[in-house]
Amino acid sequence: MKDKILHKSAEMFLNLGFKSVTMDDIAFELGVSKKTIYNHFSNKTDLVEEVTASVFEIVCTGIDLISSKESNPIEELYEIKRFTMEYLKNEKTSPQYQLQKYYPKIYATLKKKQFGVMQDCITENLKNGVEQGLYRASIDIGFISRIYFHGIMGLKDVDLFPLKQFSMNNIMEFYLEYHLRGICTEKGMEIVTKIITKNQP
């Protein structure tokens, strides 16, 4: 039952936001009493904490799977973006921003874990890109990996990028192109151009 609660809660939080969804809403969707949920989670904060940890692990597993395919580094970044957007429902409710606002301690823990994972992933991506002649050999990998993480986190700020004006999928596309244009060789840009052309509606 606990897994069912986690799964349904994750789905609702990602679709509707952490603040909007109540324990009553989750109980109704599952067709159980609220008491059943409280048998597994002491309060909503406890549930949110476990849901975010669960979602984080699922996303990490998906990213590891993509990275293990050893595609070229540029295609890998686009594939990771596609996977995360699909799983996180295109972040229509900006769940991470709501998490930061209403559950700051949980957000701080999650951000630290995200940085560790993304730092490793992007560092490896940058090294592979340089080795394959797709990224410039002169780039500072430590700096680029950190600025990439900072940029991704900034995109989720709905005060800066209001959801009514910017879809998360679109700004992630813009950001990836921005990132790659700054580090790619001519050979790398040929791949980027092909992917952008292919992705255009």
C-alpha atoms as a PDB file:
ATOM      1  CA  MET A   1       0.000   0.000   0.000  1.00  0.00           C
ATOM      2  CA  LYS A   2       2.846   2.373   0.799  1.00  0.00           C
ATOM      3  CA  ASP A   3       4.196   2.071  -2.764  1.00  0.00           C
ATOM      4  CA  LYS A   4       0.726   2.805  -4.167  1.00  0.00           C
ATOM      5  CA  ILE A   5       0.470   5.928  -2.021  1.00  0.00           C
ATOM      6  CA  LEU A   6       3.933   7.091  -3.124  1.00  0.00           C
ATOM      7  CA  HIS A   7       3.169   6.477  -6.798  1.00  0.00           C
ATOM      8  CA  LYS A   8      -0.202   8.251  -6.762  1.00  0.00           C
ATOM      9  CA  SER A   9       1.127  11.141  -4.646  1.00  0.00           C
ATOM     10  CA  ALA A  10       4.079  11.646  -7.003  1.00  0.00           C
ATOM     11  CA  GLU A  11       1.729  11.717  -9.981  1.00  0.00           C
ATOM     12  CA  MET A  12      -0.554  14.271  -8.312  1.00  0.00           C
ATOM     13  CA  PHE A  13       2.252  16.468  -6.959  1.00  0.00           C
ATOM     14  CA  LEU A  14       3.931  16.621 -10.387  1.00  0.00           C
ATOM     15  CA  ASN A  15       0.655  17.363 -12.173  1.00  0.00           C
ATOM     16  CA  LEU A  16      -0.928  19.759  -9.691  1.00  0.00           C
ATOM     17  CA  GLY A  17       1.869  21.005  -7.439  1.00  0.00           C
ATOM     18  CA  PHE A  18       2.982  20.239  -3.891  1.00  0.00           C
ATOM     19  CA  LYS A  19       0.846  22.957  -2.298  1.00  0.00           C
ATOM     20  CA  SER A  20      -2.423  22.261  -4.130  1.00  0.00           C
ATOM     21  CA  VAL A  21      -2.690  18.544  -3.343  1.00  0.00           C
ATOM     22  CA  THR A  22      -4.051  17.665   0.107  1.00  0.00           C
ATOM     23  CA  MET A  23      -4.011  14.349   1.983  1.00  0.00           C
ATOM     24  CA  ASP A  24      -7.780  14.229   1.410  1.00  0.00           C
ATOM     25  CA  ASP A  25      -7.229  14.530  -2.366  1.00  0.00           C
ATOM     26  CA  ILE A  26      -4.731  11.649  -2.341  1.00  0.00           C
ATOM     27  CA  ALA A  27      -7.027   9.464  -0.204  1.00  0.00           C
ATOM     28  CA  PHE A  28      -9.953  10.173  -2.561  1.00  0.00           C
ATOM     29  CA  GLU A  29      -7.917   9.301  -5.673  1.00  0.00           C
ATOM     30  CA  LEU A  30      -6.747   6.051  -4.084  1.00  0.00           C
ATOM     31  CA  GLY A  31     -10.208   5.196  -2.784  1.00  0.00           C
ATOM     32  CA  VAL A  32      -8.938   4.797   0.787  1.00  0.00           C
ATOM     33  CA  SER A  33      -9.424   6.639   4.051  1.00  0.00           C
ATOM     34  CA  LYS A  34      -7.002   9.362   5.120  1.00  0.00           C
ATOM     35  CA  LYS A  35      -6.193   7.171   8.115  1.00  0.00           C
ATOM     36  CA  THR A  36      -4.711   4.576   5.740  1.00  0.00           C
ATOM     37  CA  ILE A  37      -2.242   7.165   4.466  1.00  0.00           C
ATOM     38  CA  TYR A  38      -1.368   8.236   8.009  1.00  0.00           C
ATOM     39  CA  ASN A  39      -0.575   4.606   8.830  1.00  0.00           C
ATOM     40  CA  HIS A  40       2.405   4.953   6.455  1.00  0.00           C
ATOM     41  CA  PHE A  41       3.231   8.682   6.651  1.00  0.00           C
ATOM     42  CA  SER A  42       3.028  10.753   9.807  1.00  0.00           C
ATOM     43  CA  ASN A  43       2.088  13.970   7.944  1.00  0.00           C
ATOM     44  CA  LYS A  44       2.166  15.618   4.527  1.00  0.00           C
ATOM     45  CA  THR A  45       5.762  16.819   4.989  1.00  0.00           C
ATOM     46  CA  ASP A  46       6.843  13.235   5.603  1.00  0.00           C
ATOM     47  CA  LEU A  47       5.014  12.157   2.438  1.00  0.00           C
ATOM     48  CA  VAL A  48       6.530  14.979   0.364  1.00  0.00           C
ATOM     49  CA  GLU A  49      10.001  14.022   1.591  1.00  0.00           C
ATOM     50  CA  GLU A  50       9.587  10.386   0.579  1.00  0.00           C
ATOM     51  CA  VAL A  51       7.989  11.278  -2.757  1.00  0.00           C
ATOM     52  CA  THR A  52      10.843  13.623  -3.711  1.00  0.00           C
ATOM     53  CA  ALA A  53      13.420  10.979  -2.738  1.00  0.00           C
ATOM     54  CA  SER A  54      11.561   8.377  -4.813  1.00  0.00           C
ATOM     55  CA  VAL A  55      11.224  10.640  -7.874  1.00  0.00           C
ATOM     56  CA  PHE A  56      14.898  11.601  -7.584  1.00  0.00           C
ATOM     57  CA  GLU A  57      15.954   7.921  -7.642  1.00  0.00           C
ATOM     58  CA  ILE A  58      13.725   7.152 -10.645  1.00  0.00           C
ATOM     59  CA  VAL A  59      15.092  10.129 -12.615  1.00  0.00           C
ATOM     60  CA  CYS A  60      18.693   9.191 -11.706  1.00  0.00           C
ATOM     61  CA  THR A  61      18.120   5.610 -12.866  1.00  0.00           C
ATOM     62  CA  GLY A  62      16.721   6.876 -16.180  1.00  0.00           C
ATOM     63  CA  ILE A  63      19.673   9.229 -16.698  1.00  0.00           C
ATOM     64  CA  ASP A  64      22.153   6.432 -15.882  1.00  0.00           C
ATOM     65  CA  LEU A  65      20.441   4.229 -18.467  1.00  0.00           C
ATOM     66  CA  ILE A  66      20.718   6.952 -21.129  1.00  0.00           C
ATOM     67  CA  SER A  67      24.379   7.594 -20.273  1.00  0.00           C
ATOM     68  CA  SER A  68      25.180   3.862 -20.476  1.00  0.00           C
ATOM     69  CA  LYS A  69      24.113   3.828 -24.147  1.00  0.00           C
ATOM     70  CA  GLU A  70      27.256   5.853 -24.902  1.00  0.00           C
ATOM     71  CA  SER A  71      25.551   7.990 -27.556  1.00  0.00           C
ATOM     72  CA  ASN A  72      27.523  11.007 -28.673  1.00  0.00           C
ATOM     73  CA  PRO A  73      27.493  13.601 -25.851  1.00  0.00           C
ATOM     74  CA  ILE A  74      25.267  16.095 -27.686  1.00  0.00           C
ATOM     75  CA  GLU A  75      22.566  13.530 -28.428  1.00  0.00           C
ATOM     76  CA  GLU A  76      22.874  12.326 -24.821  1.00  0.00           C
ATOM     77  CA  LEU A  77      21.973  15.790 -23.465  1.00  0.00           C
ATOM     78  CA  TYR A  78      18.891  16.006 -25.691  1.00  0.00           C
ATOM     79  CA  GLU A  79      17.841  12.482 -24.715  1.00  0.00           C
ATOM     80  CA  ILE A  80      18.181  13.285 -20.988  1.00  0.00           C
ATOM     81  CA  LYS A  81      16.144  16.452 -21.501  1.00  0.00           C
ATOM     82  CA  ARG A  82      13.407  14.511 -23.317  1.00  0.00           C
ATOM     83  CA  PHE A  83      13.278  11.847 -20.592  1.00  0.00           C
ATOM     84  CA  THR A  84      13.126  14.297 -17.676  1.00  0.00           C
ATOM     85  CA  MET A  85      10.460  16.435 -19.364  1.00  0.00           C
ATOM     86  CA  GLU A  86       8.293  13.383 -20.028  1.00  0.00           C
ATOM     87  CA  TYR A  87       8.670  11.995 -16.517  1.00  0.00           C
ATOM     88  CA  LEU A  88       8.194  15.342 -14.770  1.00  0.00           C
ATOM     89  CA  LYS A  89       5.097  16.124 -16.893  1.00  0.00           C
ATOM     90  CA  ASN A  90       6.876  19.075 -18.569  1.00  0.00           C
ATOM     91  CA  GLU A  91       6.945  20.656 -15.082  1.00  0.00           C
ATOM     92  CA  LYS A  92       3.644  22.414 -15.782  1.00  0.00           C
ATOM     93  CA  THR A  93       3.231  23.300 -12.108  1.00  0.00           C
ATOM     94  CA  SER A  94       6.924  23.994 -11.466  1.00  0.00           C
ATOM     95  CA  PRO A  95       7.088  21.387  -8.670  1.00  0.00           C
ATOM     96  CA  GLN A  96      10.670  22.232  -7.767  1.00  0.00           C
ATOM     97  CA  TYR A  97       9.843  25.918  -7.263  1.00  0.00           C
ATOM     98  CA  GLN A  98       6.853  25.002  -5.065  1.00  0.00           C
ATOM     99  CA  LEU A  99       9.082  22.633  -3.131  1.00  0.00           C
ATOM    100  CA  GLN A 100      11.558  25.466  -2.527  1.00  0.00           C
ATOM    101  CA  LYS A 101       8.811  27.819  -1.379  1.00  0.00           C
ATOM    102  CA  TYR A 102       6.744  25.529   0.861  1.00  0.00           C
ATOM    103  CA  TYR A 103       9.238  22.822   1.909  1.00  0.00           C
ATOM    104  CA  PRO A 104      12.612  24.611   1.995  1.00  0.00           C
ATOM    105  CA  LYS A 105      14.440  21.977   4.064  1.00  0.00           C
ATOM    106  CA  ILE A 106      13.408  19.168   1.725  1.00  0.00           C
ATOM    107  CA  TYR A 107      14.339  21.357  -1.249  1.00  0.00           C
ATOM    108  CA  ALA A 108      17.814  22.105   0.175  1.00  0.00           C
ATOM    109  CA  THR A 109      18.521  18.389   0.666  1.00  0.00           C
ATOM    110  CA  LEU A 110      17.263  17.582  -2.836  1.00  0.00           C
ATOM    111  CA  LYS A 111      19.292  20.375  -4.430  1.00  0.00           C
ATOM    112  CA  LYS A 112      22.477  19.079  -2.798  1.00  0.00           C
ATOM    113  CA  LYS A 113      21.811  15.576  -4.149  1.00  0.00           C
ATOM    114  CA  GLN A 114      20.920  16.963  -7.599  1.00  0.00           C
ATOM    115  CA  PHE A 115      24.165  18.921  -7.725  1.00  0.00           C
ATOM    116  CA  GLY A 116      26.216  15.829  -6.917  1.00  0.00           C
ATOM    117  CA  VAL A 117      24.547  13.715  -9.586  1.00  0.00           C
ATOM    118  CA  MET A 118      24.437  16.417 -12.258  1.00  0.00           C
ATOM    119  CA  GLN A 119      28.040  17.428 -11.594  1.00  0.00           C
ATOM    120  CA  ASP A 120      29.204  13.862 -12.275  1.00  0.00           C
ATOM    121  CA  CYS A 121      26.944  13.474 -15.322  1.00  0.00           C
ATOM    122  CA  ILE A 122      27.863  16.783 -16.976  1.00  0.00           C
ATOM    123  CA  THR A 123      31.568  16.449 -16.175  1.00  0.00           C
ATOM    124  CA  GLU A 124      31.609  13.051 -17.917  1.00  0.00           C
ATOM    125  CA  ASN A 125      29.594  14.465 -20.826  1.00  0.00           C
ATOM    126  CA  LEU A 126      32.032  17.373 -21.235  1.00  0.00           C
ATOM    127  CA  LYS A 127      35.094  15.112 -21.100  1.00  0.00           C
ATOM    128  CA  ASN A 128      33.613  12.779 -23.724  1.00  0.00           C
ATOM    129  CA  GLY A 129      32.666  15.722 -25.931  1.00  0.00           C
ATOM    130  CA  VAL A 130      36.209  17.104 -25.821  1.00  0.00           C
ATOM    131  CA  GLU A 131      37.694  13.659 -26.573  1.00  0.00           C
ATOM    132  CA  GLN A 132      35.378  13.234 -29.566  1.00  0.00           C
ATOM    133  CA  GLY A 133      36.181  16.676 -30.925  1.00  0.00           C
ATOM    134  CA  LEU A 134      32.602  17.888 -30.426  1.00  0.00           C
ATOM    135  CA  TYR A 135      33.430  20.355 -27.629  1.00  0.00           C
ATOM    136  CA  ARG A 136      36.349  22.778 -27.644  1.00  0.00           C
ATOM    137  CA  ALA A 137      39.463  21.454 -25.913  1.00  0.00           C
ATOM    138  CA  SER A 138      39.979  24.835 -24.222  1.00  0.00           C
ATOM    139  CA  ILE A 139      36.799  24.766 -22.092  1.00  0.00           C
ATOM    140  CA  ASP A 140      37.120  24.737 -18.302  1.00  0.00           C
ATOM    141  CA  ILE A 141      35.119  21.625 -17.412  1.00  0.00           C
ATOM    142  CA  GLY A 142      34.778  22.494 -13.698  1.00  0.00           C
ATOM    143  CA  PHE A 143      33.368  25.939 -14.514  1.00  0.00           C
ATOM    144  CA  ILE A 144      31.049  24.784 -17.330  1.00  0.00           C
ATOM    145  CA  SER A 145      29.586  21.925 -15.262  1.00  0.00           C
ATOM    146  CA  ARG A 146      28.730  24.316 -12.422  1.00  0.00           C
ATOM    147  CA  ILE A 147      27.329  27.080 -14.623  1.00  0.00           C
ATOM    148  CA  TYR A 148      25.195  24.472 -16.415  1.00  0.00           C
ATOM    149  CA  PHE A 149      23.691  23.322 -13.093  1.00  0.00           C
ATOM    150  CA  HIS A 150      23.121  26.911 -11.964  1.00  0.00           C
ATOM    151  CA  GLY A 151      21.356  27.687 -15.251  1.00  0.00           C
ATOM    152  CA  ILE A 152      19.090  24.634 -15.057  1.00  0.00           C
ATOM    153  CA  MET A 153      18.036  25.584 -11.524  1.00  0.00           C
ATOM    154  CA  GLY A 154      17.415  29.180 -12.627  1.00  0.00           C
ATOM    155  CA  LEU A 155      15.028  28.048 -15.369  1.00  0.00           C
ATOM    156  CA  LYS A 156      12.713  26.663 -12.671  1.00  0.00           C
ATOM    157  CA  ASP A 157      12.257  30.101 -11.077  1.00  0.00           C
ATOM    158  CA  VAL A 158       8.677  30.971 -12.056  1.00  0.00           C
ATOM    159  CA  ASP A 159       9.149  34.627 -11.057  1.00  0.00           C
ATOM    160  CA  LEU A 160      11.887  34.855 -13.696  1.00  0.00           C
ATOM    161  CA  PHE A 161      10.218  32.530 -16.231  1.00  0.00           C
ATOM    162  CA  PRO A 162       6.430  32.681 -15.643  1.00  0.00           C
ATOM    163  CA  LEU A 163       4.729  29.459 -16.748  1.00  0.00           C
ATOM    164  CA  LYS A 164       2.072  31.416 -18.655  1.00  0.00           C
ATOM    165  CA  GLN A 165       4.799  32.962 -20.787  1.00  0.00           C
ATOM    166  CA  PHE A 166       7.373  30.165 -20.991  1.00  0.00           C
ATOM    167  CA  SER A 167       6.808  26.419 -21.291  1.00  0.00           C
ATOM    168  CA  MET A 168       9.495  24.426 -19.478  1.00  0.00           C
ATOM    169  CA  ASN A 169      10.052  22.276 -22.549  1.00  0.00           C
ATOM    170  CA  ASN A 170      10.734  25.332 -24.730  1.00  0.00           C
ATOM    171  CA  ILE A 171      13.108  27.059 -22.345  1.00  0.00           C
ATOM    172  CA  MET A 172      14.999  23.791 -21.815  1.00  0.00           C
ATOM    173  CA  GLU A 173      15.431  23.605 -25.612  1.00  0.00           C
ATOM    174  CA  PHE A 174      16.636  27.225 -25.685  1.00  0.00           C
ATOM    175  CA  TYR A 175      19.000  26.599 -22.780  1.00  0.00           C
ATOM    176  CA  LEU A 176      20.512  23.467 -24.317  1.00  0.00           C
ATOM    177  CA  GLU A 177      21.184  25.331 -27.565  1.00  0.00           C
ATOM    178  CA  TYR A 178      22.656  28.263 -25.608  1.00  0.00           C
ATOM    179  CA  HIS A 179      24.905  25.884 -23.626  1.00  0.00           C
ATOM    180  CA  LEU A 180      26.072  23.941 -26.670  1.00  0.00           C
ATOM    181  CA  ARG A 181      26.754  26.978 -28.846  1.00  0.00           C
ATOM    182  CA  GLY A 182      29.143  28.164 -26.147  1.00  0.00           C
ATOM    183  CA  ILE A 183      31.234  24.981 -26.066  1.00  0.00           C
ATOM    184  CA  CYS A 184      30.883  23.183 -29.415  1.00  0.00           C
ATOM    185  CA  THR A 185      33.416  22.908 -32.209  1.00  0.00           C
ATOM    186  CA  GLU A 186      32.249  23.231 -35.818  1.00  0.00           C
ATOM    187  CA  LYS A 187      31.855  19.451 -35.899  1.00  0.00           C
ATOM    188  CA  GLY A 188      29.692  19.604 -32.765  1.00  0.00           C
ATOM    189  CA  MET A 189      27.558  22.439 -34.142  1.00  0.00           C
ATOM    190  CA  GLU A 190      26.714  20.378 -37.219  1.00  0.00           C
ATOM    191  CA  ILE A 191      25.079  17.804 -34.896  1.00  0.00           C
ATOM    192  CA  VAL A 192      23.319  20.516 -32.857  1.00  0.00           C
ATOM    193  CA  THR A 193      21.905  22.111 -36.035  1.00  0.00           C
ATOM    194  CA  LYS A 194      20.586  18.760 -37.255  1.00  0.00           C
ATOM    195  CA  ILE A 195      18.883  18.051 -33.901  1.00  0.00           C
ATOM    196  CA  ILE A 196      17.332  21.558 -33.724  1.00  0.00           C
ATOM    197  CA  THR A 197      16.050  21.250 -37.311  1.00  0.00           C
ATOM    198  CA  LYS A 198      14.605  17.796 -36.567  1.00  0.00           C
ATOM    199  CA  ASN A 199      12.897  19.026 -33.364  1.00  0.00           C
ATOM    200  CA  GLN A 200      11.201  21.995 -35.021  1.00  0.00           C
ATOM    201  CA  PRO A 201       7.413  21.514 -35.392  1.00  0.00           C
END
